[in-house]
């Protein structure tokens, strides 16, 4: 199915699991940055998060900011505050539900 604009399936629907799509992506040497380093953080979120930002730049910077917080304050700090941050982002932005997955690798 294709949606126009900002339309997506909703996670709150009774059978939303049937609309789930998956894709496996293998990270190999050719897919890394030119310095050959693996990504330190992969952030996946529903559109409720990206739609809570006025501009794409803010959304794209969020992953960088989260990685900086992990480095400075620790993973537990981010884990303990993430739910509140996402709730605040939704309330200040789109008002939509937000789901997020963070994949972090140490040093």
N, C-alpha and C. Protein backbone atom coordinates (compact mmCIF):
# COMPACT_ATOMS: atom_id res chain seq x y z
N UNK A 1 0.83 -1.18 0.00
CA UNK A 1 0.00 0.00 0.00
C UNK A 1 0.87 1.24 0.00
N UNK A 2 0.41 2.26 -0.67
CA UNK A 2 1.12 3.53 -0.69
C UNK A 2 0.21 4.61 -0.13
N UNK A 3 0.77 5.45 0.70
CA UNK A 3 0.04 6.56 1.29
C UNK A 3 0.59 7.86 0.71
N UNK A 4 -0.25 8.85 0.68
CA UNK A 4 0.22 10.16 0.24
C UNK A 4 0.55 11.02 1.45
N UNK A 5 1.51 11.87 1.27
CA UNK A 5 1.87 12.80 2.32
C UNK A 5 2.30 12.12 3.61
N UNK A 6 1.57 12.42 4.66
CA UNK A 6 1.94 12.02 6.00
C UNK A 6 1.07 10.87 6.54
N UNK A 7 0.38 10.17 5.68
CA UNK A 7 -0.52 9.10 6.11
C UNK A 7 0.27 7.81 6.35
N UNK A 8 -0.08 7.13 7.45
CA UNK A 8 0.54 5.84 7.78
C UNK A 8 -0.51 4.95 8.44
N UNK A 9 -0.17 3.70 8.61
CA UNK A 9 -1.00 2.82 9.44
C UNK A 9 -0.86 3.28 10.88
N UNK A 10 -1.89 3.07 11.67
CA UNK A 10 -1.84 3.45 13.07
C UNK A 10 -1.57 2.24 13.94
N UNK A 11 -0.67 2.40 14.92
CA UNK A 11 -0.36 1.33 15.85
C UNK A 11 -1.50 1.05 16.82
N UNK A 12 -2.45 1.98 16.93
CA UNK A 12 -3.54 1.79 17.89
C UNK A 12 -4.68 0.94 17.34
N UNK A 13 -4.62 0.57 16.09
CA UNK A 13 -5.67 -0.25 15.50
C UNK A 13 -5.57 -1.69 16.00
N UNK A 14 -6.70 -2.37 16.11
CA UNK A 14 -6.76 -3.71 16.68
C UNK A 14 -5.84 -4.70 15.97
N UNK A 15 -5.79 -4.64 14.67
CA UNK A 15 -4.97 -5.58 13.90
C UNK A 15 -3.74 -4.92 13.28
N UNK A 16 -3.19 -3.94 13.97
CA UNK A 16 -2.05 -3.20 13.41
C UNK A 16 -0.85 -4.10 13.13
N UNK A 17 -0.72 -5.18 13.86
CA UNK A 17 0.40 -6.09 13.66
C UNK A 17 0.39 -6.67 12.24
N UNK A 18 -0.77 -6.73 11.61
CA UNK A 18 -0.86 -7.28 10.25
C UNK A 18 -0.28 -6.32 9.21
N UNK A 19 -0.14 -5.06 9.57
CA UNK A 19 0.40 -4.06 8.64
C UNK A 19 1.90 -3.87 8.81
N UNK A 20 2.50 -4.62 9.71
CA UNK A 20 3.92 -4.47 9.98
C UNK A 20 4.75 -4.95 8.79
N UNK A 21 5.76 -4.19 8.47
CA UNK A 21 6.68 -4.55 7.41
C UNK A 21 8.07 -4.65 8.04
N UNK A 22 8.86 -5.57 7.55
CA UNK A 22 10.22 -5.73 8.07
C UNK A 22 11.22 -5.68 6.93
N UNK A 23 12.43 -5.34 7.29
CA UNK A 23 13.52 -5.34 6.33
C UNK A 23 14.81 -5.57 7.10
N UNK A 24 15.62 -6.47 6.62
CA UNK A 24 16.91 -6.74 7.22
C UNK A 24 17.96 -5.97 6.43
N UNK A 25 18.85 -5.32 7.15
CA UNK A 25 19.95 -4.59 6.52
C UNK A 25 21.24 -5.09 7.14
N UNK A 26 22.12 -5.61 6.32
CA UNK A 26 23.40 -6.10 6.82
C UNK A 26 24.42 -4.96 6.70
N UNK A 27 25.04 -4.66 7.82
CA UNK A 27 26.10 -3.66 7.80
C UNK A 27 27.41 -4.38 7.55
N UNK A 28 28.03 -4.04 6.46
CA UNK A 28 29.34 -4.62 6.16
C UNK A 28 30.32 -3.48 5.90
N UNK A 29 31.54 -3.81 5.63
CA UNK A 29 32.58 -2.80 5.49
C UNK A 29 32.20 -1.74 4.45
N UNK A 30 31.58 -2.14 3.36
CA UNK A 30 31.23 -1.20 2.30
C UNK A 30 30.14 -0.22 2.71
N UNK A 31 29.34 -0.56 3.73
CA UNK A 31 28.25 0.31 4.13
C UNK A 31 28.64 1.30 5.23
N UNK A 32 29.89 1.23 5.72
CA UNK A 32 30.35 2.15 6.76
C UNK A 32 30.79 3.47 6.15
N UNK A 33 30.92 4.44 7.03
CA UNK A 33 31.45 5.73 6.62
C UNK A 33 32.87 5.54 6.04
N UNK A 34 33.40 6.56 5.44
CA UNK A 34 34.71 6.45 4.80
C UNK A 34 35.82 6.08 5.78
N UNK A 35 35.62 6.34 7.08
CA UNK A 35 36.65 5.98 8.05
C UNK A 35 36.55 4.52 8.48
N UNK A 36 35.57 3.78 7.94
CA UNK A 36 35.45 2.36 8.21
C UNK A 36 34.85 2.01 9.56
N UNK A 37 34.34 2.98 10.30
CA UNK A 37 33.79 2.74 11.63
C UNK A 37 32.31 2.36 11.54
N UNK A 38 31.90 1.45 12.41
CA UNK A 38 30.49 1.06 12.46
C UNK A 38 29.70 2.19 13.13
N UNK A 39 28.40 2.23 12.87
CA UNK A 39 27.57 3.27 13.52
C UNK A 39 27.55 3.05 15.03
N UNK A 40 27.57 4.12 15.80
CA UNK A 40 27.52 4.04 17.25
C UNK A 40 26.09 3.98 17.75
N UNK A 41 25.14 4.56 16.98
CA UNK A 41 23.75 4.59 17.39
C UNK A 41 22.87 4.48 16.16
N UNK A 42 21.88 3.61 16.26
CA UNK A 42 20.84 3.52 15.24
C UNK A 42 19.54 3.84 15.96
N UNK A 43 18.82 4.82 15.44
CA UNK A 43 17.58 5.24 16.05
C UNK A 43 16.44 4.98 15.08
N UNK A 44 15.46 4.20 15.52
CA UNK A 44 14.27 3.93 14.72
C UNK A 44 13.08 4.48 15.47
N UNK A 45 12.21 5.17 14.76
CA UNK A 45 11.02 5.71 15.43
C UNK A 45 9.85 5.75 14.47
N UNK A 46 8.68 5.80 15.06
CA UNK A 46 7.48 5.99 14.25
C UNK A 46 7.40 7.45 13.81
N UNK A 47 6.54 7.71 12.87
CA UNK A 47 6.43 9.06 12.31
C UNK A 47 5.94 10.08 13.34
N UNK A 48 5.35 9.62 14.44
CA UNK A 48 4.93 10.56 15.48
C UNK A 48 6.09 11.37 16.02
N UNK A 49 7.29 10.78 16.02
CA UNK A 49 8.46 11.50 16.51
C UNK A 49 8.96 12.50 15.46
N UNK A 50 9.16 12.06 14.26
CA UNK A 50 9.67 12.99 13.24
C UNK A 50 8.68 14.12 12.97
N UNK A 51 7.38 13.83 13.08
CA UNK A 51 6.37 14.86 12.85
C UNK A 51 6.28 15.87 13.99
N UNK A 52 6.95 15.60 15.09
CA UNK A 52 6.94 16.51 16.23
C UNK A 52 7.98 17.62 16.09
N UNK A 53 8.75 17.59 15.04
CA UNK A 53 9.76 18.61 14.80
C UNK A 53 9.28 19.56 13.70
N UNK A 54 9.61 20.83 13.83
CA UNK A 54 9.22 21.82 12.84
C UNK A 54 9.98 21.64 11.52
N UNK A 55 11.22 21.15 11.62
CA UNK A 55 12.05 20.98 10.44
C UNK A 55 12.81 19.66 10.53
N UNK A 56 13.16 19.12 9.37
CA UNK A 56 13.91 17.86 9.32
C UNK A 56 15.22 17.95 10.09
N UNK A 57 15.85 19.13 10.08
CA UNK A 57 17.14 19.28 10.74
C UNK A 57 17.05 18.95 12.23
N UNK A 58 15.98 19.34 12.88
CA UNK A 58 15.80 19.04 14.30
C UNK A 58 15.68 17.55 14.54
N UNK A 59 14.91 16.88 13.71
CA UNK A 59 14.76 15.43 13.84
C UNK A 59 16.09 14.73 13.59
N UNK A 60 16.81 15.13 12.55
CA UNK A 60 18.08 14.49 12.23
C UNK A 60 19.13 14.73 13.32
N UNK A 61 19.05 15.85 14.00
CA UNK A 61 20.00 16.16 15.08
C UNK A 61 19.67 15.38 16.36
N UNK A 62 18.45 14.91 16.49
CA UNK A 62 18.04 14.20 17.71
C UNK A 62 18.91 12.98 17.98
N UNK A 63 19.22 12.20 16.96
CA UNK A 63 20.08 11.03 17.15
C UNK A 63 21.47 11.42 17.63
N UNK A 64 22.01 12.49 17.08
CA UNK A 64 23.32 12.99 17.50
C UNK A 64 23.26 13.43 18.96
N UNK A 65 22.18 14.13 19.32
CA UNK A 65 22.02 14.59 20.70
C UNK A 65 21.89 13.42 21.67
N UNK A 66 21.14 12.39 21.29
CA UNK A 66 20.98 11.22 22.15
C UNK A 66 22.31 10.51 22.34
N UNK A 67 23.09 10.37 21.27
CA UNK A 67 24.40 9.74 21.39
C UNK A 67 25.31 10.56 22.31
N UNK A 68 25.27 11.88 22.20
CA UNK A 68 26.06 12.73 23.09
C UNK A 68 25.65 12.53 24.54
N UNK A 69 24.35 12.42 24.80
CA UNK A 69 23.88 12.19 26.16
C UNK A 69 24.34 10.84 26.69
N UNK A 70 24.32 9.82 25.84
CA UNK A 70 24.82 8.51 26.25
C UNK A 70 26.30 8.61 26.63
N UNK A 71 27.07 9.31 25.80
CA UNK A 71 28.50 9.45 26.06
C UNK A 71 28.79 10.26 27.32
N UNK A 72 27.99 11.33 27.57
CA UNK A 72 28.25 12.22 28.69
C UNK A 72 27.59 11.77 30.00
N UNK A 73 26.34 11.28 29.91
CA UNK A 73 25.58 10.96 31.11
C UNK A 73 25.41 9.46 31.34
N UNK A 74 25.64 8.67 30.30
CA UNK A 74 25.51 7.22 30.41
C UNK A 74 24.21 6.70 29.82
N UNK A 75 24.24 5.44 29.44
CA UNK A 75 23.09 4.80 28.82
C UNK A 75 21.88 4.78 29.76
N UNK A 76 22.14 4.49 31.05
CA UNK A 76 21.04 4.43 32.02
C UNK A 76 20.29 5.75 32.11
N UNK A 77 21.00 6.86 32.02
CA UNK A 77 20.37 8.18 32.06
C UNK A 77 19.37 8.33 30.91
N UNK A 78 19.81 7.95 29.71
CA UNK A 78 18.93 8.05 28.55
C UNK A 78 17.75 7.09 28.70
N UNK A 79 18.03 5.88 29.11
CA UNK A 79 16.97 4.89 29.30
C UNK A 79 15.92 5.37 30.30
N UNK A 80 16.38 5.99 31.38
CA UNK A 80 15.47 6.45 32.42
C UNK A 80 14.67 7.69 32.04
N UNK A 81 15.10 8.43 31.04
CA UNK A 81 14.44 9.68 30.66
C UNK A 81 13.75 9.65 29.31
N UNK A 82 14.02 8.63 28.51
CA UNK A 82 13.53 8.60 27.13
C UNK A 82 12.01 8.69 27.04
N UNK A 83 11.31 7.95 27.86
CA UNK A 83 9.85 7.96 27.82
C UNK A 83 9.30 9.37 28.04
N UNK A 84 9.84 10.05 29.03
CA UNK A 84 9.41 11.43 29.32
C UNK A 84 9.73 12.36 28.16
N UNK A 85 10.92 12.22 27.56
CA UNK A 85 11.29 13.07 26.43
C UNK A 85 10.36 12.86 25.24
N UNK A 86 10.02 11.59 24.99
CA UNK A 86 9.14 11.30 23.85
C UNK A 86 7.73 11.83 24.11
N UNK A 87 7.27 11.69 25.34
CA UNK A 87 5.95 12.24 25.69
C UNK A 87 5.93 13.74 25.49
N UNK A 88 6.97 14.41 25.95
CA UNK A 88 7.07 15.87 25.81
C UNK A 88 7.16 16.27 24.33
N UNK A 89 7.92 15.52 23.56
CA UNK A 89 8.02 15.81 22.12
C UNK A 89 6.66 15.72 21.45
N UNK A 90 5.90 14.70 21.80
CA UNK A 90 4.57 14.53 21.22
C UNK A 90 3.64 15.66 21.65
N UNK A 91 3.65 15.98 22.95
CA UNK A 91 2.78 17.04 23.45
C UNK A 91 3.11 18.39 22.83
N UNK A 92 4.40 18.66 22.62
CA UNK A 92 4.82 19.94 22.02
C UNK A 92 4.72 19.94 20.51
N UNK A 93 4.58 18.75 19.91
CA UNK A 93 4.62 18.65 18.46
C UNK A 93 3.36 18.08 17.86
N UNK A 94 3.47 16.88 17.35
CA UNK A 94 2.40 16.28 16.55
C UNK A 94 1.20 15.81 17.36
N UNK A 95 1.40 15.49 18.64
CA UNK A 95 0.34 14.93 19.45
C UNK A 95 0.10 13.45 19.17
N UNK A 96 0.89 12.88 18.30
CA UNK A 96 0.74 11.48 17.90
C UNK A 96 1.53 10.58 18.85
N UNK A 97 1.16 9.30 18.86
CA UNK A 97 1.93 8.34 19.66
C UNK A 97 3.31 8.18 19.04
N UNK A 98 4.28 7.82 19.89
CA UNK A 98 5.66 7.64 19.44
C UNK A 98 6.18 6.33 19.97
N UNK A 99 6.75 5.54 19.09
CA UNK A 99 7.51 4.36 19.48
C UNK A 99 8.93 4.56 18.97
N UNK A 100 9.91 4.13 19.78
CA UNK A 100 11.31 4.31 19.39
C UNK A 100 12.13 3.11 19.81
N UNK A 101 13.11 2.80 19.00
CA UNK A 101 14.09 1.77 19.31
C UNK A 101 15.47 2.39 19.13
N UNK A 102 16.32 2.23 20.12
CA UNK A 102 17.70 2.69 20.03
C UNK A 102 18.61 1.48 20.07
N UNK A 103 19.53 1.40 19.11
CA UNK A 103 20.55 0.36 19.09
C UNK A 103 21.88 1.08 19.26
N UNK A 104 22.54 0.81 20.37
CA UNK A 104 23.76 1.51 20.72
C UNK A 104 24.90 0.52 20.85
N UNK A 105 26.06 0.91 20.33
CA UNK A 105 27.24 0.06 20.47
C UNK A 105 28.31 0.85 21.21
N UNK A 106 28.95 0.20 22.14
CA UNK A 106 30.02 0.85 22.89
C UNK A 106 31.26 0.96 22.02
N UNK A 107 31.98 2.07 22.28
CA UNK A 107 33.26 2.39 21.69
C UNK A 107 33.69 1.59 20.57
